[in-house]
Amino acid sequence: MIREVCGGDVRIIGPELNCETECEAILRSLPQWFGLEESLKMYARDSRCLPTFAAKTSAGLAGFITLRQHFPEAWEVHCIAVPEHERGKGVGTILLNYTESWLAEQGVRFLQVKTIAASSPDPNYAATRAFYLNRGYIPVEEFPLLWSPSNPVLLLIKAIDQCTADSR
């Protein structure tokens, strides 16, 4: 089922599958976050089979978010990417808000995300952590070796308010 919502010039379409080519193009434009070829290909490939919401503008695809279900009431942001030229315009926030509302409609209570922990000095991931913290996500645990010793993982979680479903 494809739903469409407008937020200014941004339209959210999804959940859709089979958007691998478009998602891969965005991922390739962001080597500071998706510089590992194996991971990049996995995220692109996963957009074929996992629920994916796309943000579209008159200029084309402005970002996407892919979700993974762990349990009926607990899901994960598997991947979110917004091209550099669209960053700072609210596209990521619109994607995340829409996704949270959609999940609330499905009865989901928690949404989690994993990113690089603050023990890594990468300024790009400092911005990523700030993005989630500013949207109500709470750090839960750091996993120093989950991905690799040079990429310590921070797990963040947010309780999904069932009233959020009405805000779409």
C-alpha atoms as a PDB file:
ATOM      1  CA  MET A   1       0.000   0.000   0.000  1.00  0.00           C
ATOM      2  CA  ILE A   2       1.383   3.401  -0.938  1.00  0.00           C
ATOM      3  CA  ARG A   3       0.313   6.444   1.022  1.00  0.00           C
ATOM      4  CA  GLU A   4       1.247   9.967   0.197  1.00  0.00           C
ATOM      5  CA  VAL A   5       1.465  12.942   2.511  1.00  0.00           C
ATOM      6  CA  CYS A   6       2.669  16.433   1.755  1.00  0.00           C
ATOM      7  CA  GLY A   7       4.889  18.526   4.022  1.00  0.00           C
ATOM      8  CA  GLY A   8       5.626  21.756   2.181  1.00  0.00           C
ATOM      9  CA  ASP A   9       7.349  20.680  -1.012  1.00  0.00           C
ATOM     10  CA  VAL A  10       8.064  17.224   0.462  1.00  0.00           C
ATOM     11  CA  ARG A  11       5.825  14.237  -0.302  1.00  0.00           C
ATOM     12  CA  ILE A  12       6.251  11.017   1.670  1.00  0.00           C
ATOM     13  CA  ILE A  13       5.419   7.852  -0.212  1.00  0.00           C
ATOM     14  CA  GLY A  14       5.406   4.405   1.333  1.00  0.00           C
ATOM     15  CA  PRO A  15       5.779   1.951   2.684  1.00  0.00           C
ATOM     16  CA  GLU A  16       7.098   0.795  -0.635  1.00  0.00           C
ATOM     17  CA  LEU A  17       9.524  -1.853  -1.717  1.00  0.00           C
ATOM     18  CA  ASN A  18      11.818  -2.176  -4.717  1.00  0.00           C
ATOM     19  CA  CYS A  19      13.460   1.244  -4.551  1.00  0.00           C
ATOM     20  CA  GLU A  20      16.991  -0.154  -4.432  1.00  0.00           C
ATOM     21  CA  THR A  21      18.449   1.878  -7.309  1.00  0.00           C
ATOM     22  CA  GLU A  22      17.248   5.236  -5.982  1.00  0.00           C
ATOM     23  CA  CYS A  23      18.315   4.424  -2.419  1.00  0.00           C
ATOM     24  CA  GLU A  24      21.748   3.278  -3.571  1.00  0.00           C
ATOM     25  CA  ALA A  25      22.294   6.569  -5.410  1.00  0.00           C
ATOM     26  CA  ILE A  26      21.606   8.531  -2.211  1.00  0.00           C
ATOM     27  CA  LEU A  27      23.834   6.255  -0.140  1.00  0.00           C
ATOM     28  CA  ARG A  28      26.696   6.677  -2.625  1.00  0.00           C
ATOM     29  CA  SER A  29      26.367  10.454  -2.329  1.00  0.00           C
ATOM     30  CA  LEU A  30      27.102  10.200   1.422  1.00  0.00           C
ATOM     31  CA  PRO A  31      30.492   8.450   1.769  1.00  0.00           C
ATOM     32  CA  GLN A  32      31.088  10.031   5.180  1.00  0.00           C
ATOM     33  CA  TRP A  33      28.269   7.818   6.524  1.00  0.00           C
ATOM     34  CA  PHE A  34      28.087   4.994   3.990  1.00  0.00           C
ATOM     35  CA  GLY A  35      31.705   4.556   2.927  1.00  0.00           C
ATOM     36  CA  LEU A  36      31.890   0.792   3.394  1.00  0.00           C
ATOM     37  CA  GLU A  37      30.858  -0.825   0.108  1.00  0.00           C
ATOM     38  CA  GLU A  38      29.550  -4.003   1.731  1.00  0.00           C
ATOM     39  CA  SER A  39      27.308  -2.050   4.125  1.00  0.00           C
ATOM     40  CA  LEU A  40      26.145   0.333   1.401  1.00  0.00           C
ATOM     41  CA  LYS A  41      25.083  -2.572  -0.826  1.00  0.00           C
ATOM     42  CA  MET A  42      23.303  -4.250   2.093  1.00  0.00           C
ATOM     43  CA  TYR A  43      21.291  -1.104   2.907  1.00  0.00           C
ATOM     44  CA  ALA A  44      20.367  -0.637  -0.755  1.00  0.00           C
ATOM     45  CA  ARG A  45      19.452  -4.318  -1.165  1.00  0.00           C
ATOM     46  CA  ASP A  46      17.380  -4.285   2.033  1.00  0.00           C
ATOM     47  CA  SER A  47      15.224  -1.471   0.638  1.00  0.00           C
ATOM     48  CA  ARG A  48      13.857  -4.101  -1.788  1.00  0.00           C
ATOM     49  CA  CYS A  49      12.264  -6.132   0.977  1.00  0.00           C
ATOM     50  CA  LEU A  50      11.886  -3.918   4.061  1.00  0.00           C
ATOM     51  CA  PRO A  51       9.276  -1.170   4.513  1.00  0.00           C
ATOM     52  CA  THR A  52      10.784   1.968   3.006  1.00  0.00           C
ATOM     53  CA  PHE A  53       9.385   5.491   2.974  1.00  0.00           C
ATOM     54  CA  ALA A  54      10.637   7.912   0.335  1.00  0.00           C
ATOM     55  CA  ALA A  55      10.666  11.700   0.588  1.00  0.00           C
ATOM     56  CA  LYS A  56      10.095  13.239  -2.820  1.00  0.00           C
ATOM     57  CA  THR A  57      10.224  16.849  -3.964  1.00  0.00           C
ATOM     58  CA  SER A  58       9.710  18.443  -7.352  1.00  0.00           C
ATOM     59  CA  ALA A  59      13.461  17.907  -7.882  1.00  0.00           C
ATOM     60  CA  GLY A  60      13.282  14.145  -7.189  1.00  0.00           C
ATOM     61  CA  LEU A  61      14.098  11.810  -4.321  1.00  0.00           C
ATOM     62  CA  ALA A  62      15.087  13.839  -1.244  1.00  0.00           C
ATOM     63  CA  GLY A  63      15.691  10.972   1.177  1.00  0.00           C
ATOM     64  CA  PHE A  64      14.458   7.645   2.447  1.00  0.00           C
ATOM     65  CA  ILE A  65      14.040   5.615   5.613  1.00  0.00           C
ATOM     66  CA  THR A  66      13.978   1.822   5.820  1.00  0.00           C
ATOM     67  CA  LEU A  67      12.506  -0.004   8.808  1.00  0.00           C
ATOM     68  CA  ARG A  68      13.046  -3.427  10.327  1.00  0.00           C
ATOM     69  CA  GLN A  69      10.563  -5.186  12.598  1.00  0.00           C
ATOM     70  CA  HIS A  70      12.054  -7.071  15.542  1.00  0.00           C
ATOM     71  CA  PHE A  71       8.801  -7.743  17.397  1.00  0.00           C
ATOM     72  CA  PRO A  72       5.222  -6.560  16.745  1.00  0.00           C
ATOM     73  CA  GLU A  73       5.688  -3.650  19.156  1.00  0.00           C
ATOM     74  CA  ALA A  74       9.389  -2.943  18.572  1.00  0.00           C
ATOM     75  CA  TRP A  75      10.892  -1.761  15.286  1.00  0.00           C
ATOM     76  CA  GLU A  76      14.199  -0.268  14.200  1.00  0.00           C
ATOM     77  CA  VAL A  77      15.322   2.495  11.872  1.00  0.00           C
ATOM     78  CA  HIS A  78      17.422   0.234   9.656  1.00  0.00           C
ATOM     79  CA  CYS A  79      18.676   3.057   7.446  1.00  0.00           C
ATOM     80  CA  ILE A  80      17.897   6.726   6.902  1.00  0.00           C
ATOM     81  CA  ALA A  81      19.651   8.898   4.347  1.00  0.00           C
ATOM     82  CA  VAL A  82      19.149  12.434   3.055  1.00  0.00           C
ATOM     83  CA  PRO A  83      21.462  13.796   0.331  1.00  0.00           C
ATOM     84  CA  GLU A  84      23.770  16.643   1.280  1.00  0.00           C
ATOM     85  CA  HIS A  85      21.863  19.215  -0.818  1.00  0.00           C
ATOM     86  CA  GLU A  86      18.623  18.397   1.068  1.00  0.00           C
ATOM     87  CA  ARG A  87      20.113  18.380   4.579  1.00  0.00           C
ATOM     88  CA  GLY A  88      18.951  21.082   6.980  1.00  0.00           C
ATOM     89  CA  LYS A  89      15.606  21.500   5.204  1.00  0.00           C
ATOM     90  CA  GLY A  90      13.599  19.254   7.535  1.00  0.00           C
ATOM     91  CA  VAL A  91      13.438  16.245   5.199  1.00  0.00           C
ATOM     92  CA  GLY A  92      14.857  13.843   7.797  1.00  0.00           C
ATOM     93  CA  THR A  93      12.463  15.134  10.443  1.00  0.00           C
ATOM     94  CA  ILE A  94       9.487  14.799   8.097  1.00  0.00           C
ATOM     95  CA  LEU A  95      10.531  11.223   7.243  1.00  0.00           C
ATOM     96  CA  LEU A  96      10.989  10.286  10.890  1.00  0.00           C
ATOM     97  CA  ASN A  97       7.728  11.916  12.034  1.00  0.00           C
ATOM     98  CA  TYR A  98       5.751  10.222   9.272  1.00  0.00           C
ATOM     99  CA  THR A  99       7.356   6.879  10.025  1.00  0.00           C
ATOM    100  CA  GLU A 100       6.608   7.176  13.743  1.00  0.00           C
ATOM    101  CA  SER A 101       2.964   7.968  12.967  1.00  0.00           C
ATOM    102  CA  TRP A 102       2.706   5.018  10.590  1.00  0.00           C
ATOM    103  CA  LEU A 103       4.241   2.724  13.208  1.00  0.00           C
ATOM    104  CA  ALA A 104       1.824   4.017  15.864  1.00  0.00           C
ATOM    105  CA  GLU A 105      -1.048   3.054  13.546  1.00  0.00           C
ATOM    106  CA  GLN A 106       0.409  -0.473  13.461  1.00  0.00           C
ATOM    107  CA  GLY A 107       0.415  -0.637  17.275  1.00  0.00           C
ATOM    108  CA  VAL A 108       4.174  -0.234  17.603  1.00  0.00           C
ATOM    109  CA  ARG A 109       5.327   1.067  20.977  1.00  0.00           C
ATOM    110  CA  PHE A 110       9.088   1.476  20.523  1.00  0.00           C
ATOM    111  CA  LEU A 111      11.395   2.553  17.733  1.00  0.00           C
ATOM    112  CA  GLN A 112      15.122   2.053  18.092  1.00  0.00           C
ATOM    113  CA  VAL A 113      18.113   3.173  16.074  1.00  0.00           C
ATOM    114  CA  LYS A 114      21.775   2.265  16.144  1.00  0.00           C
ATOM    115  CA  THR A 115      24.497   4.755  15.244  1.00  0.00           C
ATOM    116  CA  ILE A 116      28.154   5.358  15.978  1.00  0.00           C
ATOM    117  CA  ALA A 117      28.724   6.169  19.668  1.00  0.00           C
ATOM    118  CA  ALA A 118      30.253   9.364  21.042  1.00  0.00           C
ATOM    119  CA  SER A 119      33.412   7.460  21.950  1.00  0.00           C
ATOM    120  CA  SER A 120      34.198   7.780  18.225  1.00  0.00           C
ATOM    121  CA  PRO A 121      35.378  11.305  17.359  1.00  0.00           C
ATOM    122  CA  ASP A 122      33.679  11.427  13.931  1.00  0.00           C
ATOM    123  CA  PRO A 123      31.879  14.827  13.644  1.00  0.00           C
ATOM    124  CA  ASN A 124      29.391  13.437  11.104  1.00  0.00           C
ATOM    125  CA  TYR A 125      28.098  10.962  13.650  1.00  0.00           C
ATOM    126  CA  ALA A 126      28.008  13.669  16.320  1.00  0.00           C
ATOM    127  CA  ALA A 127      25.475  15.403  14.052  1.00  0.00           C
ATOM    128  CA  THR A 128      23.596  12.119  13.614  1.00  0.00           C
ATOM    129  CA  ARG A 129      23.364  11.604  17.377  1.00  0.00           C
ATOM    130  CA  ALA A 130      22.178  15.201  17.839  1.00  0.00           C
ATOM    131  CA  PHE A 131      19.483  14.630  15.200  1.00  0.00           C
ATOM    132  CA  TYR A 132      18.028  11.705  17.149  1.00  0.00           C
ATOM    133  CA  LEU A 133      18.470  13.269  20.597  1.00  0.00           C
ATOM    134  CA  ASN A 134      16.647  16.412  19.421  1.00  0.00           C
ATOM    135  CA  ARG A 135      13.736  14.223  18.335  1.00  0.00           C
ATOM    136  CA  GLY A 136      13.239  12.492  21.672  1.00  0.00           C
ATOM    137  CA  TYR A 137      15.429   9.416  21.278  1.00  0.00           C
ATOM    138  CA  ILE A 138      17.158   8.290  24.460  1.00  0.00           C
ATOM    139  CA  PRO A 139      20.545   6.555  24.624  1.00  0.00           C
ATOM    140  CA  VAL A 140      20.116   3.079  26.073  1.00  0.00           C
ATOM    141  CA  GLU A 141      23.421   1.268  25.711  1.00  0.00           C
ATOM    142  CA  GLU A 142      26.798   1.419  24.010  1.00  0.00           C
ATOM    143  CA  PHE A 143      28.182  -1.689  22.327  1.00  0.00           C
ATOM    144  CA  PRO A 144      31.930  -1.195  21.770  1.00  0.00           C
ATOM    145  CA  LEU A 145      32.385  -4.277  19.572  1.00  0.00           C
ATOM    146  CA  LEU A 146      29.019  -4.897  17.863  1.00  0.00           C
ATOM    147  CA  TRP A 147      30.098  -3.559  14.456  1.00  0.00           C
ATOM    148  CA  SER A 148      33.856  -3.257  14.986  1.00  0.00           C
ATOM    149  CA  PRO A 149      36.315  -1.807  17.526  1.00  0.00           C
ATOM    150  CA  SER A 150      36.646   1.326  15.379  1.00  0.00           C
ATOM    151  CA  ASN A 151      32.850   1.721  15.124  1.00  0.00           C
ATOM    152  CA  PRO A 152      31.356   1.546  18.640  1.00  0.00           C
ATOM    153  CA  VAL A 153      27.568   1.410  18.515  1.00  0.00           C
ATOM    154  CA  LEU A 154      25.108   3.552  20.441  1.00  0.00           C
ATOM    155  CA  LEU A 155      21.579   2.184  20.786  1.00  0.00           C
ATOM    156  CA  LEU A 156      18.862   4.837  21.132  1.00  0.00           C
ATOM    157  CA  ILE A 157      15.162   4.214  21.666  1.00  0.00           C
ATOM    158  CA  LYS A 158      11.963   6.225  21.571  1.00  0.00           C
ATOM    159  CA  ALA A 159       8.534   5.364  22.930  1.00  0.00           C
ATOM    160  CA  ILE A 160       6.000   5.821  20.153  1.00  0.00           C
ATOM    161  CA  ASP A 161       2.995   7.746  21.401  1.00  0.00           C
ATOM    162  CA  GLN A 162      -0.172   6.122  20.091  1.00  0.00           C
ATOM    163  CA  CYS A 163      -1.651   9.630  19.737  1.00  0.00           C
ATOM    164  CA  THR A 164       1.062  10.297  17.146  1.00  0.00           C
ATOM    165  CA  ALA A 165      -0.974   8.305  14.633  1.00  0.00           C
ATOM    166  CA  ASP A 166      -3.516  11.126  14.561  1.00  0.00           C
ATOM    167  CA  SER A 167      -0.900  13.749  13.687  1.00  0.00           C
ATOM    168  CA  ARG A 168      -0.167  12.572  10.132  1.00  0.00           C
END
